[in-house]
Amino acid sequence: MKPRLLANENVPAPSVTLLRNVQFNVLAIAESHPGLSDRSVLDLATPLKHLPRTRPL
């Protein structure tokens, strides 16, 4: 099972697309919660059980 990822806004959209194309579950902050603070991103990741990513893989 691949990890669920939470991509912060500085993860480029092409990286998010690439991960989704290889069947990763990726929630992109730029798409769903633009402008969210770093602390809020971490607070969001925890209950969703997504691993936060701040840089491209």
N, C-alpha and C. Protein backbone atom coordinates (compact mmCIF):
# COMPACT_ATOMS: atom_id res chain seq x y z
N MET A 1 0.84 -1.18 0.00
CA MET A 1 0.00 0.00 0.00
C MET A 1 0.89 1.25 0.00
N LYS A 2 0.61 2.15 -0.92
CA LYS A 2 1.39 3.38 -1.01
C LYS A 2 0.89 4.39 0.02
N PRO A 3 1.81 5.20 0.55
CA PRO A 3 1.39 6.18 1.55
C PRO A 3 0.51 7.26 0.94
N ARG A 4 -0.35 7.82 1.76
CA ARG A 4 -1.14 8.98 1.37
C ARG A 4 -0.25 10.20 1.59
N LEU A 5 -0.22 11.09 0.62
CA LEU A 5 0.65 12.25 0.69
C LEU A 5 -0.15 13.53 0.72
N LEU A 6 0.33 14.48 1.48
CA LEU A 6 -0.23 15.82 1.53
C LEU A 6 0.85 16.74 0.99
N ALA A 7 0.66 17.26 -0.22
CA ALA A 7 1.68 18.09 -0.88
C ALA A 7 1.47 19.55 -0.53
N ASN A 8 2.45 20.14 0.15
CA ASN A 8 2.39 21.55 0.48
C ASN A 8 2.46 22.36 -0.82
N GLU A 9 2.17 23.66 -0.72
CA GLU A 9 2.10 24.49 -1.92
C GLU A 9 3.40 24.59 -2.71
N ASN A 10 4.54 24.34 -2.08
CA ASN A 10 5.80 24.45 -2.82
C ASN A 10 6.15 23.17 -3.58
N VAL A 11 5.31 22.14 -3.51
CA VAL A 11 5.50 20.95 -4.35
C VAL A 11 4.89 21.28 -5.71
N PRO A 12 5.69 21.27 -6.77
CA PRO A 12 5.18 21.66 -8.09
C PRO A 12 4.03 20.77 -8.57
N ALA A 13 3.09 21.39 -9.28
CA ALA A 13 1.94 20.66 -9.82
C ALA A 13 2.36 19.46 -10.67
N PRO A 14 3.41 19.56 -11.50
CA PRO A 14 3.81 18.37 -12.27
C PRO A 14 4.22 17.19 -11.37
N SER A 15 4.81 17.48 -10.22
CA SER A 15 5.17 16.41 -9.29
C SER A 15 3.92 15.75 -8.72
N VAL A 16 2.92 16.57 -8.39
CA VAL A 16 1.65 16.03 -7.88
C VAL A 16 1.01 15.14 -8.94
N THR A 17 1.00 15.61 -10.17
CA THR A 17 0.42 14.83 -11.28
C THR A 17 1.15 13.52 -11.47
N LEU A 18 2.48 13.57 -11.44
CA LEU A 18 3.28 12.35 -11.60
C LEU A 18 2.96 11.34 -10.51
N LEU A 19 2.88 11.79 -9.27
CA LEU A 19 2.56 10.88 -8.17
C LEU A 19 1.17 10.28 -8.33
N ARG A 20 0.23 11.10 -8.73
CA ARG A 20 -1.13 10.58 -8.95
C ARG A 20 -1.16 9.57 -10.10
N ASN A 21 -0.35 9.81 -11.12
CA ASN A 21 -0.32 8.89 -12.27
C ASN A 21 0.23 7.52 -11.90
N VAL A 22 1.01 7.45 -10.83
CA VAL A 22 1.53 6.16 -10.37
C VAL A 22 0.77 5.68 -9.13
N GLN A 23 -0.47 6.16 -9.04
CA GLN A 23 -1.44 5.67 -8.07
C GLN A 23 -1.22 6.08 -6.61
N PHE A 24 -0.51 7.19 -6.37
CA PHE A 24 -0.43 7.72 -5.02
C PHE A 24 -1.69 8.54 -4.74
N ASN A 25 -2.15 8.50 -3.51
CA ASN A 25 -3.25 9.34 -3.07
C ASN A 25 -2.62 10.64 -2.60
N VAL A 26 -2.79 11.71 -3.39
CA VAL A 26 -2.14 12.98 -3.09
C VAL A 26 -3.19 14.07 -2.91
N LEU A 27 -3.16 14.72 -1.76
CA LEU A 27 -3.97 15.90 -1.52
C LEU A 27 -3.04 17.09 -1.68
N ALA A 28 -3.33 17.94 -2.66
CA ALA A 28 -2.48 19.10 -2.94
C ALA A 28 -3.06 20.33 -2.28
N ILE A 29 -2.32 20.91 -1.37
CA ILE A 29 -2.78 22.11 -0.65
C ILE A 29 -3.06 23.24 -1.63
N ALA A 30 -2.28 23.36 -2.69
CA ALA A 30 -2.49 24.43 -3.68
C ALA A 30 -3.87 24.32 -4.33
N GLU A 31 -4.40 23.12 -4.42
CA GLU A 31 -5.72 22.91 -5.03
C GLU A 31 -6.85 23.04 -4.02
N SER A 32 -6.63 22.54 -2.82
CA SER A 32 -7.74 22.44 -1.87
C SER A 32 -7.75 23.52 -0.78
N HIS A 33 -6.59 23.99 -0.39
CA HIS A 33 -6.50 24.97 0.71
C HIS A 33 -5.37 25.97 0.44
N PRO A 34 -5.41 26.72 -0.66
CA PRO A 34 -4.30 27.63 -0.95
C PRO A 34 -4.12 28.67 0.16
N GLY A 35 -2.86 28.95 0.47
CA GLY A 35 -2.53 29.94 1.47
C GLY A 35 -2.53 29.44 2.90
N LEU A 36 -2.76 28.16 3.09
CA LEU A 36 -2.81 27.58 4.43
C LEU A 36 -1.43 27.66 5.08
N SER A 37 -1.36 28.02 6.35
CA SER A 37 -0.07 28.11 7.05
C SER A 37 0.54 26.72 7.21
N ASP A 38 1.85 26.68 7.41
CA ASP A 38 2.54 25.40 7.58
C ASP A 38 1.98 24.63 8.77
N ARG A 39 1.70 25.31 9.86
CA ARG A 39 1.15 24.64 11.04
C ARG A 39 -0.22 24.03 10.72
N SER A 40 -1.03 24.76 9.97
CA SER A 40 -2.35 24.26 9.60
C SER A 40 -2.25 23.06 8.66
N VAL A 41 -1.23 23.07 7.80
CA VAL A 41 -1.01 21.92 6.91
C VAL A 41 -0.74 20.68 7.75
N LEU A 42 0.12 20.81 8.74
CA LEU A 42 0.41 19.67 9.63
C LEU A 42 -0.83 19.25 10.40
N ASP A 43 -1.59 20.22 10.87
CA ASP A 43 -2.82 19.90 11.59
C ASP A 43 -3.82 19.17 10.70
N LEU A 44 -3.84 19.49 9.42
CA LEU A 44 -4.73 18.83 8.47
C LEU A 44 -4.25 17.42 8.14
N ALA A 45 -2.94 17.25 8.04
CA ALA A 45 -2.38 15.95 7.66
C ALA A 45 -2.66 14.87 8.70
N THR A 46 -2.62 15.22 9.95
CA THR A 46 -2.74 14.23 11.01
C THR A 46 -4.07 13.47 10.99
N PRO A 47 -5.22 14.14 11.06
CA PRO A 47 -6.47 13.37 11.07
C PRO A 47 -6.76 12.67 9.74
N LEU A 48 -6.21 13.20 8.65
CA LEU A 48 -6.42 12.57 7.34
C LEU A 48 -5.48 11.39 7.11
N LYS A 49 -4.50 11.25 8.01
CA LYS A 49 -3.49 10.19 7.90
C LYS A 49 -2.71 10.28 6.59
N HIS A 50 -2.37 11.51 6.22
CA HIS A 50 -1.54 11.77 5.05
C HIS A 50 -0.15 12.19 5.53
N LEU A 51 0.87 11.76 4.83
CA LEU A 51 2.25 12.13 5.13
C LEU A 51 2.53 13.48 4.47
N PRO A 52 2.87 14.50 5.24
CA PRO A 52 3.13 15.80 4.63
C PRO A 52 4.43 15.80 3.82
N ARG A 53 4.38 16.42 2.65
CA ARG A 53 5.55 16.59 1.79
C ARG A 53 5.73 18.07 1.55
N THR A 54 6.95 18.55 1.74
CA THR A 54 7.23 19.96 1.52
C THR A 54 8.14 20.19 0.32
N ARG A 55 8.67 19.09 -0.23
CA ARG A 55 9.54 19.17 -1.41
C ARG A 55 9.16 18.06 -2.37
N PRO A 56 9.45 18.25 -3.65
CA PRO A 56 9.17 17.18 -4.61
C PRO A 56 9.94 15.92 -4.27
N LEU A 57 9.41 14.79 -4.66
CA LEU A 57 10.10 13.52 -4.44
C LEU A 57 11.18 13.33 -5.46
